[in-house]
Amino acid sequence: MGSASSGSPVRPRSAVRRRFDLLFREIAKFGAVGGAGLLVNLLVFNLVRHVTGLQVVRASVIATVVAIVFNYIGFRYFTYRDRDKGGRTKELTLFLLFSVVGLVIENGVLYAATYGFGWDTPLQSNVFKFLGIGVATLFRFWSYRTWVFRALPAREAVASAESFLDAGAKPRPRAKVN
């Protein structure tokens, strides 16, 4: 469909390009929330570690739980606000399930570095906490978008219909064959 405000016709974007643009926006929003969650995670981790004197992995688990709560709010109301809002109990249950798996991945990396290799200086702990968050983030992105914040079937149908209409809006000339 063309842009009504510009006055000039706009070529419809291909369905592949549209999906790529949507995926790029989703990754950017996921990254914004995740980046803020990363800061929350690291700040709480270092605060708990220095104020309480808890062991490294215990402090990390507390920080991860705080970040999980922060991220759920950000994902639900920013990144995936346009996704299906029905079945919040199921959504929250799946989010917590996949978040716990991410917590195990994230803190497993820290645990292995701390207790397996003896790398437990504050700098080393932060490096391996950060590395664990990175590995867990890949899993979380895939699981949240696939299982937790699912696209509305109706929206997919509308998008598909719009792409069909966009393709039909500009008839292809039959005379040109390459």
N, C-alpha and C. Protein backbone atom coordinates (compact mmCIF):
# COMPACT_ATOMS: atom_id res chain seq x y z
N MET A 1 0.84 -1.18 0.00
CA MET A 1 0.00 0.00 0.00
C MET A 1 0.87 1.23 0.00
N GLY A 2 0.49 2.28 -0.67
CA GLY A 2 1.27 3.49 -0.77
C GLY A 2 1.10 4.38 0.43
N SER A 3 1.94 5.36 0.54
CA SER A 3 1.90 6.32 1.62
C SER A 3 0.98 7.46 1.21
N ALA A 4 -0.05 7.74 1.99
CA ALA A 4 -1.01 8.78 1.66
C ALA A 4 -0.44 10.17 1.92
N SER A 5 0.51 10.30 2.83
CA SER A 5 1.01 11.62 3.20
C SER A 5 2.03 12.17 2.20
N SER A 6 2.76 11.33 1.51
CA SER A 6 3.82 11.83 0.63
C SER A 6 3.32 12.22 -0.75
N GLY A 7 2.23 11.68 -1.17
CA GLY A 7 1.69 12.00 -2.47
C GLY A 7 2.29 11.20 -3.60
N SER A 8 3.43 10.59 -3.39
CA SER A 8 4.04 9.78 -4.43
C SER A 8 3.84 8.31 -4.12
N PRO A 9 3.70 7.51 -5.15
CA PRO A 9 3.48 6.09 -4.90
C PRO A 9 4.72 5.45 -4.28
N VAL A 10 4.48 4.54 -3.38
CA VAL A 10 5.57 3.83 -2.72
C VAL A 10 5.44 2.37 -3.10
N ARG A 11 6.56 1.79 -3.53
CA ARG A 11 6.53 0.38 -3.89
C ARG A 11 6.29 -0.47 -2.66
N PRO A 12 5.44 -1.45 -2.76
CA PRO A 12 5.21 -2.32 -1.61
C PRO A 12 6.47 -3.11 -1.30
N ARG A 13 6.71 -3.29 -0.02
CA ARG A 13 7.87 -4.08 0.38
C ARG A 13 7.52 -5.56 0.27
N SER A 14 8.52 -6.34 -0.02
CA SER A 14 8.30 -7.77 -0.13
C SER A 14 7.99 -8.34 1.25
N ALA A 15 7.36 -9.48 1.26
CA ALA A 15 7.02 -10.14 2.52
C ALA A 15 8.29 -10.50 3.29
N VAL A 16 9.34 -10.89 2.58
CA VAL A 16 10.60 -11.23 3.24
C VAL A 16 11.19 -9.99 3.90
N ARG A 17 11.19 -8.87 3.17
CA ARG A 17 11.74 -7.62 3.73
C ARG A 17 10.93 -7.18 4.94
N ARG A 18 9.62 -7.30 4.87
CA ARG A 18 8.76 -6.92 5.99
C ARG A 18 9.06 -7.78 7.21
N ARG A 19 9.22 -9.08 7.01
CA ARG A 19 9.54 -9.97 8.13
C ARG A 19 10.90 -9.65 8.71
N PHE A 20 11.87 -9.34 7.85
CA PHE A 20 13.19 -8.97 8.33
C PHE A 20 13.11 -7.69 9.16
N ASP A 21 12.36 -6.70 8.69
CA ASP A 21 12.21 -5.44 9.44
C ASP A 21 11.56 -5.69 10.80
N LEU A 22 10.53 -6.53 10.83
CA LEU A 22 9.88 -6.85 12.10
C LEU A 22 10.82 -7.58 13.05
N LEU A 23 11.59 -8.52 12.51
CA LEU A 23 12.55 -9.25 13.34
C LEU A 23 13.63 -8.30 13.85
N PHE A 24 14.11 -7.39 13.02
CA PHE A 24 15.12 -6.42 13.44
C PHE A 24 14.58 -5.55 14.58
N ARG A 25 13.34 -5.06 14.45
CA ARG A 25 12.74 -4.25 15.52
C ARG A 25 12.58 -5.05 16.80
N GLU A 26 12.18 -6.32 16.65
CA GLU A 26 12.03 -7.18 17.82
C GLU A 26 13.37 -7.38 18.52
N ILE A 27 14.42 -7.63 17.76
CA ILE A 27 15.75 -7.82 18.34
C ILE A 27 16.21 -6.53 19.02
N ALA A 28 15.95 -5.37 18.41
CA ALA A 28 16.34 -4.10 19.01
C ALA A 28 15.61 -3.86 20.33
N LYS A 29 14.32 -4.13 20.35
CA LYS A 29 13.55 -3.96 21.59
C LYS A 29 14.00 -4.97 22.65
N PHE A 30 14.20 -6.21 22.22
CA PHE A 30 14.68 -7.24 23.15
C PHE A 30 16.04 -6.80 23.71
N GLY A 31 16.89 -6.26 22.86
CA GLY A 31 18.21 -5.80 23.29
C GLY A 31 18.13 -4.63 24.25
N ALA A 32 17.20 -3.71 24.03
CA ALA A 32 17.04 -2.56 24.93
C ALA A 32 16.62 -3.01 26.32
N VAL A 33 15.61 -3.88 26.36
CA VAL A 33 15.16 -4.41 27.65
C VAL A 33 16.26 -5.26 28.27
N GLY A 34 16.86 -6.10 27.45
CA GLY A 34 17.93 -6.97 27.95
C GLY A 34 19.13 -6.18 28.45
N GLY A 35 19.48 -5.10 27.76
CA GLY A 35 20.59 -4.25 28.19
C GLY A 35 20.32 -3.62 29.54
N ALA A 36 19.09 -3.13 29.70
CA ALA A 36 18.72 -2.57 31.00
C ALA A 36 18.71 -3.67 32.07
N GLY A 37 18.20 -4.84 31.69
CA GLY A 37 18.20 -5.98 32.62
C GLY A 37 19.61 -6.41 32.98
N LEU A 38 20.52 -6.34 32.02
CA LEU A 38 21.93 -6.66 32.27
C LEU A 38 22.50 -5.72 33.33
N LEU A 39 22.22 -4.42 33.18
CA LEU A 39 22.70 -3.45 34.17
C LEU A 39 22.11 -3.73 35.55
N VAL A 40 20.81 -4.01 35.59
CA VAL A 40 20.17 -4.35 36.87
C VAL A 40 20.85 -5.58 37.47
N ASN A 41 21.05 -6.60 36.65
CA ASN A 41 21.67 -7.84 37.10
C ASN A 41 23.05 -7.59 37.68
N LEU A 42 23.90 -6.89 36.94
CA LEU A 42 25.27 -6.65 37.41
C LEU A 42 25.32 -5.73 38.62
N LEU A 43 24.47 -4.70 38.64
CA LEU A 43 24.44 -3.79 39.79
C LEU A 43 23.99 -4.52 41.06
N VAL A 44 22.91 -5.28 40.95
CA VAL A 44 22.43 -6.03 42.11
C VAL A 44 23.47 -7.07 42.54
N PHE A 45 24.08 -7.76 41.58
CA PHE A 45 25.11 -8.76 41.88
C PHE A 45 26.24 -8.14 42.72
N ASN A 46 26.78 -7.03 42.24
CA ASN A 46 27.89 -6.41 42.94
C ASN A 46 27.46 -5.80 44.27
N LEU A 47 26.28 -5.23 44.34
CA LEU A 47 25.76 -4.68 45.58
C LEU A 47 25.58 -5.78 46.63
N VAL A 48 24.91 -6.87 46.25
CA VAL A 48 24.67 -7.98 47.18
C VAL A 48 26.00 -8.58 47.62
N ARG A 49 26.90 -8.73 46.68
CA ARG A 49 28.20 -9.31 47.01
C ARG A 49 28.98 -8.49 48.02
N HIS A 50 28.96 -7.18 47.84
CA HIS A 50 29.75 -6.32 48.72
C HIS A 50 29.05 -5.99 50.03
N VAL A 51 27.73 -5.93 50.02
CA VAL A 51 27.00 -5.56 51.24
C VAL A 51 26.77 -6.76 52.14
N THR A 52 26.49 -7.92 51.56
CA THR A 52 26.13 -9.07 52.38
C THR A 52 27.26 -10.05 52.62
N GLY A 53 28.22 -10.10 51.75
CA GLY A 53 29.29 -11.08 51.88
C GLY A 53 28.86 -12.48 51.51
N LEU A 54 27.74 -12.62 50.79
CA LEU A 54 27.29 -13.94 50.33
C LEU A 54 28.30 -14.50 49.33
N GLN A 55 28.26 -15.80 49.17
CA GLN A 55 29.10 -16.45 48.17
C GLN A 55 28.71 -15.93 46.78
N VAL A 56 29.66 -16.00 45.87
CA VAL A 56 29.50 -15.43 44.53
C VAL A 56 28.25 -15.95 43.82
N VAL A 57 28.07 -17.24 43.75
CA VAL A 57 26.95 -17.80 42.99
C VAL A 57 25.62 -17.47 43.66
N ARG A 58 25.57 -17.47 44.99
CA ARG A 58 24.32 -17.09 45.68
C ARG A 58 23.95 -15.64 45.39
N ALA A 59 24.93 -14.76 45.43
CA ALA A 59 24.69 -13.35 45.10
C ALA A 59 24.23 -13.22 43.65
N SER A 60 24.79 -14.02 42.79
CA SER A 60 24.42 -14.00 41.38
C SER A 60 23.00 -14.48 41.15
N VAL A 61 22.60 -15.52 41.86
CA VAL A 61 21.24 -16.03 41.73
C VAL A 61 20.23 -14.96 42.17
N ILE A 62 20.50 -14.28 43.27
CA ILE A 62 19.61 -13.20 43.73
C ILE A 62 19.52 -12.12 42.66
N ALA A 63 20.66 -11.71 42.11
CA ALA A 63 20.67 -10.68 41.07
C ALA A 63 19.91 -11.13 39.83
N THR A 64 20.06 -12.40 39.47
CA THR A 64 19.37 -12.93 38.30
C THR A 64 17.86 -12.91 38.51
N VAL A 65 17.41 -13.26 39.69
CA VAL A 65 15.97 -13.25 39.99
C VAL A 65 15.41 -11.82 39.90
N VAL A 66 16.13 -10.85 40.44
CA VAL A 66 15.69 -9.45 40.34
C VAL A 66 15.63 -9.04 38.86
N ALA A 67 16.63 -9.42 38.08
CA ALA A 67 16.64 -9.08 36.65
C ALA A 67 15.51 -9.78 35.90
N ILE A 68 15.17 -10.99 36.29
CA ILE A 68 14.06 -11.71 35.64
C ILE A 68 12.76 -10.95 35.83
N VAL A 69 12.50 -10.46 37.02
CA VAL A 69 11.28 -9.69 37.28
C VAL A 69 11.29 -8.40 36.45
N PHE A 70 12.41 -7.71 36.46
CA PHE A 70 12.57 -6.49 35.66
C PHE A 70 12.32 -6.77 34.18
N ASN A 71 12.93 -7.85 33.67
CA ASN A 71 12.80 -8.18 32.25
C ASN A 71 11.39 -8.58 31.87
N TYR A 72 10.69 -9.30 32.74
CA TYR A 72 9.32 -9.68 32.40
C TYR A 72 8.47 -8.44 32.15
N ILE A 73 8.59 -7.48 33.03
CA ILE A 73 7.83 -6.24 32.88
C ILE A 73 8.21 -5.54 31.57
N GLY A 74 9.50 -5.46 31.28
CA GLY A 74 9.95 -4.81 30.05
C GLY A 74 9.52 -5.56 28.79
N PHE A 75 9.63 -6.88 28.82
CA PHE A 75 9.23 -7.66 27.65
C PHE A 75 7.72 -7.60 27.42
N ARG A 76 6.95 -7.76 28.48
CA ARG A 76 5.49 -7.79 28.34
C ARG A 76 4.96 -6.44 27.88
N TYR A 77 5.46 -5.34 28.44
CA TYR A 77 4.88 -4.03 28.18
C TYR A 77 5.65 -3.18 27.18
N PHE A 78 6.78 -3.69 26.66
CA PHE A 78 7.52 -2.94 25.65
C PHE A 78 7.83 -3.81 24.44
N THR A 79 8.66 -4.81 24.61
CA THR A 79 9.10 -5.62 23.48
C THR A 79 7.95 -6.38 22.82
N TYR A 80 7.15 -7.05 23.62
CA TYR A 80 6.10 -7.92 23.10
C TYR A 80 4.70 -7.41 23.46
N ARG A 81 4.52 -6.11 23.56
CA ARG A 81 3.21 -5.57 23.94
C ARG A 81 2.13 -5.86 22.91
N ASP A 82 2.54 -6.10 21.65
CA ASP A 82 1.57 -6.37 20.60
C ASP A 82 1.23 -7.85 20.48
N ARG A 83 1.83 -8.67 21.29
CA ARG A 83 1.60 -10.12 21.22
C ARG A 83 0.38 -10.50 22.03
N ASP A 84 -0.03 -11.74 21.86
CA ASP A 84 -1.20 -12.28 22.52
C ASP A 84 -1.13 -12.05 24.03
N LYS A 85 -2.19 -11.43 24.57
CA LYS A 85 -2.24 -11.15 25.99
C LYS A 85 -3.16 -12.12 26.74
N GLY A 86 -3.74 -13.05 26.01
CA GLY A 86 -4.59 -14.05 26.63
C GLY A 86 -3.72 -15.09 27.31
N GLY A 87 -4.25 -15.68 28.34
CA GLY A 87 -3.51 -16.74 29.02
C GLY A 87 -2.29 -16.24 29.75
N ARG A 88 -2.44 -15.18 30.53
CA ARG A 88 -1.30 -14.62 31.26
C ARG A 88 -0.68 -15.62 32.23
N THR A 89 -1.50 -16.47 32.83
CA THR A 89 -0.96 -17.47 33.76
C THR A 89 -0.02 -18.40 33.02
N LYS A 90 -0.44 -18.87 31.86
CA LYS A 90 0.41 -19.74 31.05
C LYS A 90 1.66 -18.99 30.61
N GLU A 91 1.50 -17.76 30.15
CA GLU A 91 2.63 -16.94 29.72
C GLU A 91 3.65 -16.77 30.85
N LEU A 92 3.16 -16.41 32.03
CA LEU A 92 4.06 -16.20 33.16
C LEU A 92 4.73 -17.50 33.59
N THR A 93 3.99 -18.59 33.55
CA THR A 93 4.57 -19.90 33.90
C THR A 93 5.69 -20.27 32.93
N LEU A 94 5.43 -20.12 31.63
CA LEU A 94 6.46 -20.43 30.64
C LEU A 94 7.65 -19.48 30.77
N PHE A 95 7.36 -18.20 31.00
CA PHE A 95 8.44 -17.22 31.17
C PHE A 95 9.33 -17.63 32.35
N LEU A 96 8.71 -17.98 33.45
CA LEU A 96 9.49 -18.38 34.63
C LEU A 96 10.26 -19.67 34.36
N LEU A 97 9.64 -20.63 33.69
CA LEU A 97 10.31 -21.88 33.37
C LEU A 97 11.57 -21.64 32.53
N PHE A 98 11.42 -20.88 31.44
CA PHE A 98 12.57 -20.61 30.58
C PHE A 98 13.58 -19.69 31.26
N SER A 99 13.10 -18.81 32.13
CA SER A 99 14.01 -17.94 32.87
C SER A 99 14.85 -18.74 33.85
N VAL A 100 14.25 -19.76 34.46
CA VAL A 100 15.00 -20.62 35.38
C VAL A 100 16.07 -21.39 34.61
N VAL A 101 15.73 -21.86 33.41
CA VAL A 101 16.75 -22.54 32.58
C VAL A 101 17.87 -21.55 32.27
N GLY A 102 17.51 -20.31 31.91
CA GLY A 102 18.51 -19.28 31.67
C GLY A 102 19.33 -18.99 32.91
N LEU A 103 18.68 -18.98 34.08
CA LEU A 103 19.39 -18.78 35.35
C LEU A 103 20.42 -19.87 35.57
N VAL A 104 20.05 -21.11 35.28
CA VAL A 104 20.98 -22.23 35.44
C VAL A 104 22.16 -22.09 34.47
N ILE A 105 21.88 -21.73 33.23
CA ILE A 105 22.95 -21.53 32.24
C ILE A 105 23.89 -20.42 32.72
N GLU A 106 23.30 -19.27 33.03
CA GLU A 106 24.07 -18.10 33.44
C GLU A 106 24.94 -18.39 34.66
N ASN A 107 24.34 -18.96 35.68
CA ASN A 107 25.07 -19.20 36.92
C ASN A 107 25.91 -20.47 36.86
N GLY A 108 25.62 -21.35 35.92
CA GLY A 108 26.47 -22.52 35.70
C GLY A 108 27.84 -22.11 35.18
N VAL A 109 27.85 -21.11 34.29
CA VAL A 109 29.12 -20.59 33.78
C VAL A 109 29.92 -19.98 34.93
N LEU A 110 29.25 -19.18 35.75
CA LEU A 110 29.92 -18.55 36.90
C LEU A 110 30.40 -19.60 37.90
N TYR A 111 29.56 -20.59 38.15
CA TYR A 111 29.93 -21.67 39.08
C TYR A 111 31.17 -22.41 38.59
N ALA A 112 31.19 -22.77 37.31
CA ALA A 112 32.33 -23.50 36.75
C ALA A 112 33.61 -22.67 36.85
N ALA A 113 33.51 -21.38 36.57
CA ALA A 113 34.70 -20.52 36.65
C ALA A 113 35.17 -20.37 38.09
N THR A 114 34.22 -20.19 39.00
CA THR A 114 34.57 -19.93 40.40
C THR A 114 35.07 -21.18 41.11
N TYR A 115 34.29 -22.26 41.01
CA TYR A 115 34.61 -23.46 41.79
C TYR A 115 35.37 -24.50 40.98
N GLY A 116 35.26 -24.47 39.69
CA GLY A 116 35.98 -25.42 38.86
C GLY A 116 37.40 -24.98 38.56
N PHE A 117 37.56 -23.66 38.33
CA PHE A 117 38.88 -23.14 37.95
C PHE A 117 39.49 -22.22 39.00
N GLY A 118 38.72 -21.87 40.03
CA GLY A 118 39.23 -21.00 41.08
C GLY A 118 39.35 -19.54 40.69
N TRP A 119 38.64 -19.14 39.64
CA TRP A 119 38.67 -17.75 39.19
C TRP A 119 37.60 -16.98 39.95
N ASP A 120 37.99 -16.39 41.08
CA ASP A 120 36.97 -15.77 41.92
C ASP A 120 37.30 -14.35 42.39
N THR A 121 38.19 -13.67 41.68
CA THR A 121 38.40 -12.27 42.02
C THR A 121 37.15 -11.50 41.57
N PRO A 122 36.92 -10.31 42.11
CA PRO A 122 35.75 -9.53 41.67
C PRO A 122 35.71 -9.32 40.14
N LEU A 123 36.86 -9.04 39.55
CA LEU A 123 36.89 -8.84 38.10
C LEU A 123 36.54 -10.13 37.36
N GLN A 124 37.15 -11.24 37.76
CA GLN A 124 36.85 -12.53 37.12
C GLN A 124 35.39 -12.90 37.30
N SER A 125 34.85 -12.68 38.48
CA SER A 125 33.44 -13.00 38.73
C SER A 125 32.53 -12.20 37.81
N ASN A 126 32.83 -10.91 37.63
CA ASN A 126 32.02 -10.08 36.75
C ASN A 126 32.16 -10.50 35.29
N VAL A 127 33.35 -10.87 34.89
CA VAL A 127 33.56 -11.31 33.51
C VAL A 127 32.76 -12.59 33.24
N PHE A 128 32.83 -13.55 34.14
CA PHE A 128 32.11 -14.81 33.91
C PHE A 128 30.61 -14.67 34.14
N LYS A 129 30.20 -13.76 34.99
CA LYS A 129 28.78 -13.45 35.13
C LYS A 129 28.28 -12.88 33.80
N PHE A 130 29.02 -11.95 33.24
CA PHE A 130 28.66 -11.34 31.97
C PHE A 130 28.62 -12.37 30.85
N LEU A 131 29.62 -13.24 30.80
CA LEU A 131 29.67 -14.30 29.79
C LEU A 131 28.46 -15.24 29.94
N GLY A 132 28.15 -15.61 31.17
CA GLY A 132 26.99 -16.47 31.42
C GLY A 132 25.69 -15.81 30.99
N ILE A 133 25.57 -14.52 31.25
CA ILE A 133 24.37 -13.78 30.81
C ILE A 133 24.27 -13.82 29.29
N GLY A 134 25.40 -13.65 28.60
CA GLY A 134 25.40 -13.67 27.14
C GLY A 134 24.92 -15.00 26.58
N VAL A 135 25.43 -16.09 27.11
CA VAL A 135 25.03 -17.43 26.64
C VAL A 135 23.55 -17.66 26.95
N ALA A 136 23.13 -17.30 28.15
CA ALA A 136 21.73 -17.49 28.55
C ALA A 136 20.79 -16.62 27.73
N THR A 137 21.26 -15.44 27.31
CA THR A 137 20.43 -14.54 26.52
C THR A 137 20.06 -15.14 25.18
N LEU A 138 20.97 -15.84 24.55
CA LEU A 138 20.65 -16.51 23.28
C LEU A 138 19.51 -17.50 23.47
N PHE A 139 19.59 -18.29 24.53
CA PHE A 139 18.52 -19.24 24.83
C PHE A 139 17.22 -18.51 25.15
N ARG A 140 17.30 -17.48 25.96
CA ARG A 140 16.09 -16.75 26.36
C ARG A 140 15.41 -16.10 25.17
N PHE A 141 16.17 -15.48 24.27
CA PHE A 141 15.55 -14.84 23.10
C PHE A 141 14.76 -15.86 22.30
N TRP A 142 15.39 -16.99 22.01
CA TRP A 142 14.71 -18.03 21.24
C TRP A 142 13.47 -18.54 21.98
N SER A 143 13.60 -18.86 23.24
CA SER A 143 12.48 -19.46 23.96
C SER A 143 11.35 -18.47 24.21
N TYR A 144 11.66 -17.22 24.55
CA TYR A 144 10.60 -16.24 24.82
C TYR A 144 9.79 -15.96 23.57
N ARG A 145 10.48 -15.77 22.44
CA ARG A 145 9.73 -15.42 21.22
C ARG A 145 9.01 -16.63 20.64
N THR A 146 9.53 -17.84 20.90
CA THR A 146 8.92 -19.03 20.35
C THR A 146 7.77 -19.55 21.21
N TRP A 147 7.93 -19.53 22.52
CA TRP A 147 6.98 -20.18 23.40
C TRP A 147 6.21 -19.25 24.32
N VAL A 148 6.80 -18.14 24.75
CA VAL A 148 6.17 -17.31 25.77
C VAL A 148 5.32 -16.20 25.16
N PHE A 149 5.94 -15.32 24.39
CA PHE A 149 5.25 -14.18 23.81
C PHE A 149 4.95 -14.49 22.35
N ARG A 150 3.97 -15.34 22.14
CA ARG A 150 3.65 -15.81 20.80
C ARG A 150 2.87 -14.76 20.03
N ALA A 151 3.08 -14.75 18.73
CA ALA A 151 2.36 -13.81 17.86
C ALA A 151 0.90 -14.22 17.81
N LEU A 152 0.07 -13.23 17.67
CA LEU A 152 -1.36 -13.48 17.52
C LEU A 152 -1.62 -14.12 16.16
N PRO A 153 -2.35 -15.23 16.13
CA PRO A 153 -2.68 -15.82 14.83
C PRO A 153 -3.44 -14.84 13.94
N ALA A 154 -4.32 -14.02 14.49
CA ALA A 154 -5.10 -13.08 13.70
C ALA A 154 -4.18 -12.05 13.05
N ARG A 155 -3.18 -11.59 13.77
CA ARG A 155 -2.25 -10.61 13.20
C ARG A 155 -1.45 -11.23 12.05
N GLU A 156 -1.08 -12.48 12.22
CA GLU A 156 -0.37 -13.15 11.15
C GLU A 156 -1.26 -13.27 9.92
N ALA A 157 -2.52 -13.56 10.15
CA ALA A 157 -3.45 -13.67 9.03
C ALA A 157 -3.63 -12.32 8.34
N VAL A 158 -3.73 -11.25 9.13
CA VAL A 158 -3.88 -9.92 8.55
C VAL A 158 -2.63 -9.54 7.77
N ALA A 159 -1.45 -9.80 8.35
CA ALA A 159 -0.20 -9.48 7.66
C ALA A 159 -0.09 -10.26 6.36
N SER A 160 -0.49 -11.52 6.38
CA SER A 160 -0.44 -12.34 5.19
C SER A 160 -1.40 -11.79 4.13
N ALA A 161 -2.60 -11.40 4.57
CA ALA A 161 -3.58 -10.85 3.64
C ALA A 161 -3.09 -9.53 3.06
N GLU A 162 -2.45 -8.69 3.91
CA GLU A 162 -1.93 -7.42 3.42
C GLU A 162 -0.83 -7.64 2.39
N SER A 163 0.04 -8.62 2.64
CA SER A 163 1.11 -8.87 1.67
C SER A 163 0.52 -9.38 0.36
N PHE A 164 -0.54 -10.17 0.45
CA PHE A 164 -1.22 -10.65 -0.75
C PHE A 164 -1.82 -9.47 -1.51
N LEU A 165 -2.47 -8.56 -0.77
CA LEU A 165 -3.07 -7.39 -1.41
C LEU A 165 -2.00 -6.47 -1.98
N ASP A 166 -0.88 -6.31 -1.23
CA ASP A 166 0.22 -5.48 -1.73
C ASP A 166 0.76 -6.05 -3.04
N ALA A 167 0.91 -7.35 -3.11
CA ALA A 167 1.43 -7.98 -4.32
C ALA A 167 0.45 -7.81 -5.48
N GLY A 168 -0.85 -7.82 -5.18
CA GLY A 168 -1.86 -7.68 -6.22
C GLY A 168 -2.15 -6.25 -6.59
N ALA A 169 -1.70 -5.28 -5.77
CA ALA A 169 -2.02 -3.88 -6.01
C ALA A 169 -1.31 -3.33 -7.24
N LYS A 170 -0.18 -3.87 -7.57
CA LYS A 170 0.58 -3.38 -8.71
C LYS A 170 0.73 -4.55 -9.69
N PRO A 171 -0.11 -4.61 -10.71
CA PRO A 171 -0.04 -5.74 -11.63
C PRO A 171 1.30 -5.79 -12.34
N ARG A 172 1.76 -6.99 -12.53
CA ARG A 172 3.03 -7.21 -13.22
C ARG A 172 2.79 -7.19 -14.73
N PRO A 173 3.68 -6.49 -15.45
CA PRO A 173 3.52 -6.51 -16.90
C PRO A 173 3.89 -7.90 -17.43
N ARG A 174 3.07 -8.37 -18.35
CA ARG A 174 3.29 -9.74 -18.87
C ARG A 174 4.22 -9.73 -20.07
N ALA A 175 4.44 -8.59 -20.65
CA ALA A 175 5.24 -8.53 -21.86
C ALA A 175 6.73 -8.73 -21.57
N LYS A 176 7.19 -8.35 -20.39
CA LYS A 176 8.61 -8.46 -20.06
C LYS A 176 8.91 -9.84 -19.50
N VAL A 177 9.69 -10.59 -20.23
CA VAL A 177 10.12 -11.90 -19.78
C VAL A 177 11.63 -11.94 -19.94
N ASN A 178 12.31 -12.24 -18.85
CA ASN A 178 13.78 -12.29 -18.89
C ASN A 178 14.26 -13.69 -18.93
